[in-house]
All heavy atoms as atom14 arrays in JSON, in Angstrom:
{
  "sequence": "FAGHIILAFFSSVGFWFLFERLTPLGVGLGVLGVLMTVVMTAFELL",
  "atom14_mask": [
    [1, 1, 1, 1, 1, 1, 1, 1, 1, 1, 1, 0, 0, 0],
    [1, 1, 1, 1, 1, 0, 0, 0, 0, 0, 0, 0, 0, 0],
    [1, 1, 1, 1, 0, 0, 0, 0, 0, 0, 0, 0, 0, 0],
    [1, 1, 1, 1, 1, 1, 1, 1, 1, 1, 0, 0, 0, 0],
    [1, 1, 1, 1, 1, 1, 1, 1, 0, 0, 0, 0, 0, 0],
    [1, 1, 1, 1, 1, 1, 1, 1, 0, 0, 0, 0, 0, 0],
    [1, 1, 1, 1, 1, 1, 1, 1, 0, 0, 0, 0, 0, 0],
    [1, 1, 1, 1, 1, 0, 0, 0, 0, 0, 0, 0, 0, 0],
    [1, 1, 1, 1, 1, 1, 1, 1, 1, 1, 1, 0, 0, 0],
    [1, 1, 1, 1, 1, 1, 1, 1, 1, 1, 1, 0, 0, 0],
    [1, 1, 1, 1, 1, 1, 0, 0, 0, 0, 0, 0, 0, 0],
    [1, 1, 1, 1, 1, 1, 0, 0, 0, 0, 0, 0, 0, 0],
    [1, 1, 1, 1, 1, 1, 1, 0, 0, 0, 0, 0, 0, 0],
    [1, 1, 1, 1, 0, 0, 0, 0, 0, 0, 0, 0, 0, 0],
    [1, 1, 1, 1, 1, 1, 1, 1, 1, 1, 1, 0, 0, 0],
    [1, 1, 1, 1, 1, 1, 1, 1, 1, 1, 1, 1, 1, 1],
    [1, 1, 1, 1, 1, 1, 1, 1, 1, 1, 1, 0, 0, 0],
    [1, 1, 1, 1, 1, 1, 1, 1, 0, 0, 0, 0, 0, 0],
    [1, 1, 1, 1, 1, 1, 1, 1, 1, 1, 1, 0, 0, 0],
    [1, 1, 1, 1, 1, 1, 1, 1, 1, 0, 0, 0, 0, 0],
    [1, 1, 1, 1, 1, 1, 1, 1, 1, 1, 1, 0, 0, 0],
    [1, 1, 1, 1, 1, 1, 1, 1, 0, 0, 0, 0, 0, 0],
    [1, 1, 1, 1, 1, 1, 1, 0, 0, 0, 0, 0, 0, 0],
    [1, 1, 1, 1, 1, 1, 1, 0, 0, 0, 0, 0, 0, 0],
    [1, 1, 1, 1, 1, 1, 1, 1, 0, 0, 0, 0, 0, 0],
    [1, 1, 1, 1, 0, 0, 0, 0, 0, 0, 0, 0, 0, 0],
    [1, 1, 1, 1, 1, 1, 1, 0, 0, 0, 0, 0, 0, 0],
    [1, 1, 1, 1, 0, 0, 0, 0, 0, 0, 0, 0, 0, 0],
    [1, 1, 1, 1, 1, 1, 1, 1, 0, 0, 0, 0, 0, 0],
    [1, 1, 1, 1, 0, 0, 0, 0, 0, 0, 0, 0, 0, 0],
    [1, 1, 1, 1, 1, 1, 1, 0, 0, 0, 0, 0, 0, 0],
    [1, 1, 1, 1, 1, 1, 1, 1, 0, 0, 0, 0, 0, 0],
    [1, 1, 1, 1, 0, 0, 0, 0, 0, 0, 0, 0, 0, 0],
    [1, 1, 1, 1, 1, 1, 1, 0, 0, 0, 0, 0, 0, 0],
    [1, 1, 1, 1, 1, 1, 1, 1, 0, 0, 0, 0, 0, 0],
    [1, 1, 1, 1, 1, 1, 1, 1, 0, 0, 0, 0, 0, 0],
    [1, 1, 1, 1, 1, 1, 1, 0, 0, 0, 0, 0, 0, 0],
    [1, 1, 1, 1, 1, 1, 1, 0, 0, 0, 0, 0, 0, 0],
    [1, 1, 1, 1, 1, 1, 1, 0, 0, 0, 0, 0, 0, 0],
    [1, 1, 1, 1, 1, 1, 1, 1, 0, 0, 0, 0, 0, 0],
    [1, 1, 1, 1, 1, 1, 1, 0, 0, 0, 0, 0, 0, 0],
    [1, 1, 1, 1, 1, 0, 0, 0, 0, 0, 0, 0, 0, 0],
    [1, 1, 1, 1, 1, 1, 1, 1, 1, 1, 1, 0, 0, 0],
    [1, 1, 1, 1, 1, 1, 1, 1, 1, 0, 0, 0, 0, 0],
    [1, 1, 1, 1, 1, 1, 1, 1, 0, 0, 0, 0, 0, 0],
    [1, 1, 1, 1, 1, 1, 1, 1, 0, 0, 0, 0, 0, 0]
  ],
  "atom14_positions": [
    [[0.84, -1.2, 0.0], [0.0, 0.0, 0.0], [0.88, 1.25, 0.0], [0.71, 2.16, -0.83], [-0.9, -0.03, 1.24], [-1.85, 1.12, 1.34], [-3.13, 1.05, 0.79], [-1.49, 2.28, 2.02], [-4.01, 2.11, 0.9], [-2.37, 3.35, 2.12], [-3.63, 3.27, 1.56], [0.0, 0.0, 0.0], [0.0, 0.0, 0.0], [0.0, 0.0, 0.0]],
    [[1.84, 1.3, 0.92], [2.73, 2.46, 1.02], [3.6, 2.61, -0.23], [3.8, 3.71, -0.74], [3.59, 2.35, 2.27], [0.0, 0.0, 0.0], [0.0, 0.0, 0.0], [0.0, 0.0, 0.0], [0.0, 0.0, 0.0], [0.0, 0.0, 0.0], [0.0, 0.0, 0.0], [0.0, 0.0, 0.0], [0.0, 0.0, 0.0], [0.0, 0.0, 0.0]],
    [[4.13, 1.5, -0.71], [4.98, 1.56, -1.89], [4.24, 2.07, -3.12], [4.8, 2.84, -3.92], [0.0, 0.0, 0.0], [0.0, 0.0, 0.0], [0.0, 0.0, 0.0], [0.0, 0.0, 0.0], [0.0, 0.0, 0.0], [0.0, 0.0, 0.0], [0.0, 0.0, 0.0], [0.0, 0.0, 0.0], [0.0, 0.0, 0.0], [0.0, 0.0, 0.0]],
    [[2.98, 1.66, -3.26], [2.19, 2.12, -4.42], [1.95, 3.63, -4.36], [2.05, 4.32, -5.37], [0.86, 1.37, -4.43], [0.04, 1.63, -5.65], [0.53, 1.49, -6.93], [-1.26, 2.05, -5.79], [-0.41, 1.79, -7.81], [-1.5, 2.14, -7.15], [0.0, 0.0, 0.0], [0.0, 0.0, 0.0], [0.0, 0.0, 0.0], [0.0, 0.0, 0.0]],
    [[1.67, 4.14, -3.18], [1.45, 5.58, -3.03], [2.73, 6.36, -3.31], [2.71, 7.41, -3.97], [0.92, 5.9, -1.61], [-0.53, 5.41, -1.47], [0.99, 7.4, -1.33], [-1.15, 5.72, -0.13], [0.0, 0.0, 0.0], [0.0, 0.0, 0.0], [0.0, 0.0, 0.0], [0.0, 0.0, 0.0], [0.0, 0.0, 0.0], [0.0, 0.0, 0.0]],
    [[3.87, 5.86, -2.82], [5.15, 6.55, -3.03], [5.48, 6.61, -4.52], [5.88, 7.67, -5.04], [6.27, 5.85, -2.24], [6.08, 6.07, -0.74], [7.64, 6.36, -2.68], [7.02, 5.27, 0.13], [0.0, 0.0, 0.0], [0.0, 0.0, 0.0], [0.0, 0.0, 0.0], [0.0, 0.0, 0.0], [0.0, 0.0, 0.0], [0.0, 0.0, 0.0]],
    [[5.34, 5.49, -5.23], [5.63, 5.49, -6.66], [4.67, 6.41, -7.42], [5.08, 7.14, -8.33], [5.52, 4.07, -7.22], [6.62, 3.09, -6.81], [6.4, 1.73, -7.46], [8.0, 3.62, -7.2], [0.0, 0.0, 0.0], [0.0, 0.0, 0.0], [0.0, 0.0, 0.0], [0.0, 0.0, 0.0], [0.0, 0.0, 0.0], [0.0, 0.0, 0.0]],
    [[3.4, 6.4, -7.04], [2.42, 7.27, -7.7], [2.75, 8.74, -7.44], [2.59, 9.59, -8.33], [1.01, 6.94, -7.2], [0.0, 0.0, 0.0], [0.0, 0.0, 0.0], [0.0, 0.0, 0.0], [0.0, 0.0, 0.0], [0.0, 0.0, 0.0], [0.0, 0.0, 0.0], [0.0, 0.0, 0.0], [0.0, 0.0, 0.0], [0.0, 0.0, 0.0]],
    [[3.22, 9.05, -6.24], [3.55, 10.43, -5.89], [4.68, 10.96, -6.76], [4.56, 12.02, -7.4], [3.93, 10.53, -4.41], [4.47, 11.87, -4.01], [3.62, 12.93, -3.77], [5.84, 12.08, -3.89], [4.11, 14.18, -3.41], [6.35, 13.31, -3.53], [5.47, 14.36, -3.29], [0.0, 0.0, 0.0], [0.0, 0.0, 0.0], [0.0, 0.0, 0.0]],
    [[5.8, 10.24, -6.81], [6.96, 10.74, -7.57], [6.69, 10.75, -9.07], [7.13, 11.66, -9.78], [8.2, 9.91, -7.25], [8.8, 10.21, -5.9], [8.81, 9.25, -4.9], [9.33, 11.45, -5.64], [9.36, 9.54, -3.66], [9.89, 11.74, -4.4], [9.89, 10.78, -3.41], [0.0, 0.0, 0.0], [0.0, 0.0, 0.0], [0.0, 0.0, 0.0]],
    [[5.96, 9.74, -9.57], [5.67, 9.74, -11.01], [4.72, 10.88, -11.37], [4.86, 11.49, -12.44], [5.07, 8.4, -11.42], [3.86, 8.13, -10.72], [0.0, 0.0, 0.0], [0.0, 0.0, 0.0], [0.0, 0.0, 0.0], [0.0, 0.0, 0.0], [0.0, 0.0, 0.0], [0.0, 0.0, 0.0], [0.0, 0.0, 0.0], [0.0, 0.0, 0.0]],
    [[3.77, 11.2, -10.49], [2.86, 12.31, -10.77], [3.6, 13.65, -10.72], [3.3, 14.56, -11.5], [1.69, 12.31, -9.78], [2.14, 12.59, -8.46], [0.0, 0.0, 0.0], [0.0, 0.0, 0.0], [0.0, 0.0, 0.0], [0.0, 0.0, 0.0], [0.0, 0.0, 0.0], [0.0, 0.0, 0.0], [0.0, 0.0, 0.0], [0.0, 0.0, 0.0]],
    [[4.59, 13.78, -9.81], [5.4, 15.0, -9.77], [6.16, 15.17, -11.09], [6.19, 16.26, -11.68], [6.38, 14.95, -8.58], [7.43, 16.06, -8.69], [5.63, 15.1, -7.26], [0.0, 0.0, 0.0], [0.0, 0.0, 0.0], [0.0, 0.0, 0.0], [0.0, 0.0, 0.0], [0.0, 0.0, 0.0], [0.0, 0.0, 0.0], [0.0, 0.0, 0.0]],
    [[6.79, 14.06, -11.55], [7.53, 14.14, -12.8], [6.64, 14.48, -13.98], [6.98, 15.35, -14.81], [0.0, 0.0, 0.0], [0.0, 0.0, 0.0], [0.0, 0.0, 0.0], [0.0, 0.0, 0.0], [0.0, 0.0, 0.0], [0.0, 0.0, 0.0], [0.0, 0.0, 0.0], [0.0, 0.0, 0.0], [0.0, 0.0, 0.0], [0.0, 0.0, 0.0]],
    [[5.48, 13.85, -14.07], [4.57, 14.12, -15.19], [4.06, 15.55, -15.15], [4.01, 16.24, -16.17], [3.39, 13.13, -15.14], [2.38, 13.36, -16.23], [2.56, 12.81, -17.48], [1.25, 14.13, -15.99], [1.63, 13.01, -18.49], [0.32, 14.35, -16.99], [0.51, 13.78, -18.25], [0.0, 0.0, 0.0], [0.0, 0.0, 0.0], [0.0, 0.0, 0.0]],
    [[3.67, 16.02, -13.96], [3.07, 17.35, -13.85], [4.04, 18.45, -14.27], [3.72, 19.31, -15.08], [2.61, 17.57, -12.42], [2.16, 18.98, -12.16], [2.88, 19.98, -11.57], [0.91, 19.56, -12.52], [2.16, 21.14, -11.52], [0.93, 20.91, -12.1], [-0.24, 19.07, -13.14], [-0.14, 21.77, -12.29], [-1.31, 19.93, -13.32], [-1.24, 21.27, -12.9]],
    [[5.25, 18.42, -13.71], [6.17, 19.52, -13.95], [6.84, 19.44, -15.32], [7.38, 20.44, -15.8], [7.23, 19.58, -12.85], [6.71, 20.12, -11.56], [6.43, 19.29, -10.49], [6.47, 21.48, -11.41], [5.95, 19.78, -9.3], [5.98, 21.99, -10.22], [5.71, 21.14, -9.16], [0.0, 0.0, 0.0], [0.0, 0.0, 0.0], [0.0, 0.0, 0.0]],
    [[6.83, 18.27, -15.97], [7.43, 18.17, -17.29], [6.42, 18.35, -18.42], [6.8, 18.75, -19.53], [8.12, 16.81, -17.46], [9.42, 16.61, -16.64], [9.96, 15.21, -16.86], [10.46, 17.65, -17.02], [0.0, 0.0, 0.0], [0.0, 0.0, 0.0], [0.0, 0.0, 0.0], [0.0, 0.0, 0.0], [0.0, 0.0, 0.0], [0.0, 0.0, 0.0]],
    [[5.16, 18.1, -18.14], [4.17, 18.15, -19.22], [3.03, 19.13, -18.96], [2.45, 19.66, -19.9], [3.58, 16.75, -19.46], [4.58, 15.75, -19.94], [5.16, 14.86, -19.05], [4.96, 15.7, -21.27], [6.09, 13.93, -19.48], [5.89, 14.78, -21.72], [6.46, 13.89, -20.82], [0.0, 0.0, 0.0], [0.0, 0.0, 0.0], [0.0, 0.0, 0.0]],
    [[2.69, 19.38, -17.7], [1.56, 20.24, -17.4], [2.0, 21.66, -17.03], [1.34, 22.63, -17.36], [0.73, 19.64, -16.25], [0.11, 18.31, -16.59], [-1.02, 18.42, -17.6], [-1.59, 19.52, -17.72], [-1.3, 17.43, -18.29], [0.0, 0.0, 0.0], [0.0, 0.0, 0.0], [0.0, 0.0, 0.0], [0.0, 0.0, 0.0], [0.0, 0.0, 0.0]],
    [[3.08, 21.81, -16.32], [3.52, 23.12, -15.84], [5.0, 23.27, -16.16], [5.85, 23.13, -15.28], [3.26, 23.24, -14.33], [3.5, 24.63, -13.78], [2.57, 25.66, -14.41], [1.18, 25.39, -14.14], [0.53, 25.81, -13.06], [1.15, 26.52, -12.16], [-0.75, 25.55, -12.89], [0.0, 0.0, 0.0], [0.0, 0.0, 0.0], [0.0, 0.0, 0.0]],
    [[5.31, 23.47, -17.44], [6.7, 23.49, -17.9], [7.3, 24.87, -17.67], [7.01, 25.83, -18.38], [6.76, 23.11, -19.38], [8.16, 22.87, -19.96], [8.86, 21.74, -19.22], [8.06, 22.55, -21.44], [0.0, 0.0, 0.0], [0.0, 0.0, 0.0], [0.0, 0.0, 0.0], [0.0, 0.0, 0.0], [0.0, 0.0, 0.0], [0.0, 0.0, 0.0]],
    [[8.14, 24.99, -16.65], [8.87, 26.21, -16.32], [10.31, 25.81, -16.04], [10.62, 24.63, -15.84], [8.26, 26.9, -15.09], [8.4, 26.04, -13.95], [6.79, 27.23, -15.32], [0.0, 0.0, 0.0], [0.0, 0.0, 0.0], [0.0, 0.0, 0.0], [0.0, 0.0, 0.0], [0.0, 0.0, 0.0], [0.0, 0.0, 0.0], [0.0, 0.0, 0.0]],
    [[11.24, 26.78, -16.01], [12.63, 26.43, -15.68], [12.75, 25.68, -14.35], [13.48, 24.7, -14.25], [13.32, 27.8, -15.63], [12.54, 28.64, -16.59], [11.11, 28.2, -16.43], [0.0, 0.0, 0.0], [0.0, 0.0, 0.0], [0.0, 0.0, 0.0], [0.0, 0.0, 0.0], [0.0, 0.0, 0.0], [0.0, 0.0, 0.0], [0.0, 0.0, 0.0]],
    [[12.04, 26.17, -13.33], [12.07, 25.47, -12.05], [11.33, 24.14, -12.15], [11.75, 23.13, -11.59], [11.43, 26.34, -10.96], [11.31, 25.69, -9.56], [12.7, 25.32, -9.02], [10.59, 26.63, -8.6], [0.0, 0.0, 0.0], [0.0, 0.0, 0.0], [0.0, 0.0, 0.0], [0.0, 0.0, 0.0], [0.0, 0.0, 0.0], [0.0, 0.0, 0.0]],
    [[10.23, 24.13, -12.91], [9.45, 22.91, -13.06], [10.21, 21.79, -13.74], [10.03, 20.62, -13.41], [0.0, 0.0, 0.0], [0.0, 0.0, 0.0], [0.0, 0.0, 0.0], [0.0, 0.0, 0.0], [0.0, 0.0, 0.0], [0.0, 0.0, 0.0], [0.0, 0.0, 0.0], [0.0, 0.0, 0.0], [0.0, 0.0, 0.0], [0.0, 0.0, 0.0]],
    [[11.08, 22.16, -14.69], [11.88, 21.13, -15.37], [12.77, 20.41, -14.37], [12.88, 19.18, -14.38], [12.73, 21.76, -16.49], [13.73, 20.75, -17.03], [11.83, 22.25, -17.61], [0.0, 0.0, 0.0], [0.0, 0.0, 0.0], [0.0, 0.0, 0.0], [0.0, 0.0, 0.0], [0.0, 0.0, 0.0], [0.0, 0.0, 0.0], [0.0, 0.0, 0.0]],
    [[13.39, 21.17, -13.47], [14.24, 20.55, -12.45], [13.46, 19.64, -11.54], [13.89, 18.53, -11.23], [0.0, 0.0, 0.0], [0.0, 0.0, 0.0], [0.0, 0.0, 0.0], [0.0, 0.0, 0.0], [0.0, 0.0, 0.0], [0.0, 0.0, 0.0], [0.0, 0.0, 0.0], [0.0, 0.0, 0.0], [0.0, 0.0, 0.0], [0.0, 0.0, 0.0]],
    [[12.29, 20.12, -11.09], [11.45, 19.29, -10.22], [10.93, 18.06, -10.96], [10.83, 16.97, -10.38], [10.28, 20.12, -9.69], [10.64, 21.24, -8.72], [9.41, 22.08, -8.38], [11.26, 20.66, -7.45], [0.0, 0.0, 0.0], [0.0, 0.0, 0.0], [0.0, 0.0, 0.0], [0.0, 0.0, 0.0], [0.0, 0.0, 0.0], [0.0, 0.0, 0.0]],
    [[10.61, 18.25, -12.25], [10.12, 17.12, -13.03], [11.18, 16.06, -13.21], [10.91, 14.86, -13.08], [0.0, 0.0, 0.0], [0.0, 0.0, 0.0], [0.0, 0.0, 0.0], [0.0, 0.0, 0.0], [0.0, 0.0, 0.0], [0.0, 0.0, 0.0], [0.0, 0.0, 0.0], [0.0, 0.0, 0.0], [0.0, 0.0, 0.0], [0.0, 0.0, 0.0]],
    [[12.4, 16.48, -13.53], [13.5, 15.53, -13.69], [13.77, 14.81, -12.37], [14.01, 13.59, -12.33], [14.76, 16.24, -14.18], [15.97, 15.3, -14.14], [14.55, 16.75, -15.6], [0.0, 0.0, 0.0], [0.0, 0.0, 0.0], [0.0, 0.0, 0.0], [0.0, 0.0, 0.0], [0.0, 0.0, 0.0], [0.0, 0.0, 0.0], [0.0, 0.0, 0.0]],
    [[13.73, 15.57, -11.26], [13.92, 14.96, -9.94], [12.83, 13.92, -9.67], [13.11, 12.84, -9.13], [13.89, 16.04, -8.86], [14.06, 15.55, -7.41], [15.4, 14.84, -7.23], [13.92, 16.7, -6.43], [0.0, 0.0, 0.0], [0.0, 0.0, 0.0], [0.0, 0.0, 0.0], [0.0, 0.0, 0.0], [0.0, 0.0, 0.0], [0.0, 0.0, 0.0]],
    [[11.59, 14.26, -10.04], [10.5, 13.31, -9.86], [10.71, 12.03, -10.65], [10.46, 10.93, -10.15], [0.0, 0.0, 0.0], [0.0, 0.0, 0.0], [0.0, 0.0, 0.0], [0.0, 0.0, 0.0], [0.0, 0.0, 0.0], [0.0, 0.0, 0.0], [0.0, 0.0, 0.0], [0.0, 0.0, 0.0], [0.0, 0.0, 0.0], [0.0, 0.0, 0.0]],
    [[11.19, 12.16, -11.89], [11.44, 10.98, -12.72], [12.57, 10.14, -12.13], [12.47, 8.91, -12.05], [11.79, 11.41, -14.16], [12.27, 10.21, -14.98], [10.58, 12.06, -14.82], [0.0, 0.0, 0.0], [0.0, 0.0, 0.0], [0.0, 0.0, 0.0], [0.0, 0.0, 0.0], [0.0, 0.0, 0.0], [0.0, 0.0, 0.0], [0.0, 0.0, 0.0]],
    [[13.66, 10.81, -11.72], [14.78, 10.06, -11.12], [14.36, 9.33, -9.85], [14.74, 8.18, -9.63], [15.94, 11.03, -10.82], [16.65, 11.62, -12.04], [17.71, 12.63, -11.59], [17.28, 10.52, -12.88], [0.0, 0.0, 0.0], [0.0, 0.0, 0.0], [0.0, 0.0, 0.0], [0.0, 0.0, 0.0], [0.0, 0.0, 0.0], [0.0, 0.0, 0.0]],
    [[13.57, 10.01, -9.0], [13.1, 9.37, -7.77], [12.16, 8.21, -8.09], [12.15, 7.2, -7.37], [12.39, 10.39, -6.89], [13.34, 11.37, -6.21], [14.56, 10.54, -5.16], [13.5, 9.7, -3.97], [0.0, 0.0, 0.0], [0.0, 0.0, 0.0], [0.0, 0.0, 0.0], [0.0, 0.0, 0.0], [0.0, 0.0, 0.0], [0.0, 0.0, 0.0]],
    [[11.4, 8.33, -9.16], [10.52, 7.23, -9.56], [11.34, 6.0, -9.94], [11.01, 4.87, -9.55], [9.64, 7.64, -10.75], [8.83, 8.78, -10.38], [8.72, 6.51, -11.16], [0.0, 0.0, 0.0], [0.0, 0.0, 0.0], [0.0, 0.0, 0.0], [0.0, 0.0, 0.0], [0.0, 0.0, 0.0], [0.0, 0.0, 0.0], [0.0, 0.0, 0.0]],
    [[12.43, 6.23, -10.67], [13.29, 5.12, -11.07], [13.95, 4.47, -9.85], [13.96, 3.24, -9.7], [14.37, 5.6, -12.06], [15.38, 4.49, -12.36], [13.72, 6.08, -13.35], [0.0, 0.0, 0.0], [0.0, 0.0, 0.0], [0.0, 0.0, 0.0], [0.0, 0.0, 0.0], [0.0, 0.0, 0.0], [0.0, 0.0, 0.0], [0.0, 0.0, 0.0]],
    [[14.47, 5.32, -8.95], [15.15, 4.8, -7.75], [14.15, 4.05, -6.87], [14.44, 2.94, -6.38], [15.79, 5.96, -6.96], [16.3, 5.47, -5.61], [16.93, 6.56, -7.76], [0.0, 0.0, 0.0], [0.0, 0.0, 0.0], [0.0, 0.0, 0.0], [0.0, 0.0, 0.0], [0.0, 0.0, 0.0], [0.0, 0.0, 0.0], [0.0, 0.0, 0.0]],
    [[12.98, 4.62, -6.65], [11.99, 3.98, -5.77], [11.41, 2.73, -6.41], [11.02, 1.8, -5.69], [10.87, 4.97, -5.43], [11.32, 6.15, -4.58], [12.2, 5.66, -3.07], [10.94, 4.7, -2.23], [0.0, 0.0, 0.0], [0.0, 0.0, 0.0], [0.0, 0.0, 0.0], [0.0, 0.0, 0.0], [0.0, 0.0, 0.0], [0.0, 0.0, 0.0]],
    [[11.36, 2.68, -7.74], [10.91, 1.45, -8.4], [11.89, 0.32, -8.15], [11.49, -0.82, -7.87], [10.75, 1.69, -9.92], [9.75, 2.69, -10.14], [10.33, 0.41, -10.62], [0.0, 0.0, 0.0], [0.0, 0.0, 0.0], [0.0, 0.0, 0.0], [0.0, 0.0, 0.0], [0.0, 0.0, 0.0], [0.0, 0.0, 0.0], [0.0, 0.0, 0.0]],
    [[13.19, 0.62, -8.25], [14.2, -0.4, -7.95], [14.11, -0.86, -6.5], [14.18, -2.06, -6.21], [15.6, 0.16, -8.25], [0.0, 0.0, 0.0], [0.0, 0.0, 0.0], [0.0, 0.0, 0.0], [0.0, 0.0, 0.0], [0.0, 0.0, 0.0], [0.0, 0.0, 0.0], [0.0, 0.0, 0.0], [0.0, 0.0, 0.0], [0.0, 0.0, 0.0]],
    [[13.93, 0.1, -5.6], [13.79, -0.25, -4.18], [12.51, -1.05, -3.95], [12.5, -2.01, -3.17], [13.76, 1.03, -3.35], [13.64, 0.8, -1.88], [14.69, 0.26, -1.15], [12.47, 1.13, -1.2], [14.59, 0.04, 0.21], [12.36, 0.92, 0.16], [13.41, 0.37, 0.87], [0.0, 0.0, 0.0], [0.0, 0.0, 0.0], [0.0, 0.0, 0.0]],
    [[11.45, -0.69, -4.65], [10.18, -1.39, -4.49], [10.27, -2.83, -4.99], [9.65, -3.73, -4.42], [9.07, -0.65, -5.25], [7.68, -1.19, -5.02], [7.17, -1.02, -3.6], [7.83, -0.32, -2.8], [6.12, -1.6, -3.29], [0.0, 0.0, 0.0], [0.0, 0.0, 0.0], [0.0, 0.0, 0.0], [0.0, 0.0, 0.0], [0.0, 0.0, 0.0]],
    [[11.05, -3.06, -6.03], [11.26, -4.42, -6.51], [11.88, -5.3, -5.41], [11.5, -6.46, -5.23], [12.15, -4.41, -7.75], [11.48, -3.97, -9.06], [12.54, -3.77, -10.14], [10.46, -4.99, -9.51], [0.0, 0.0, 0.0], [0.0, 0.0, 0.0], [0.0, 0.0, 0.0], [0.0, 0.0, 0.0], [0.0, 0.0, 0.0], [0.0, 0.0, 0.0]],
    [[12.85, -4.73, -4.71], [13.46, -5.46, -3.6], [12.44, -5.74, -2.5], [12.37, -6.87, -1.98], [14.63, -4.65, -3.04], [15.3, -5.21, -1.78], [15.91, -6.58, -2.05], [16.36, -4.25, -1.26], [0.0, 0.0, 0.0], [0.0, 0.0, 0.0], [0.0, 0.0, 0.0], [0.0, 0.0, 0.0], [0.0, 0.0, 0.0], [0.0, 0.0, 0.0]]
  ]
}
């Protein structure tokens, strides 16, 4: 339950700031969201 919410949170951050609210600051937050999604997905697999 917790892992699903965490993955959904970071992936939604990445999608929002890269596709919905594209600003210089938003690009950084969006990239961070995508990177955290990848890291948390690997951790979630474990």
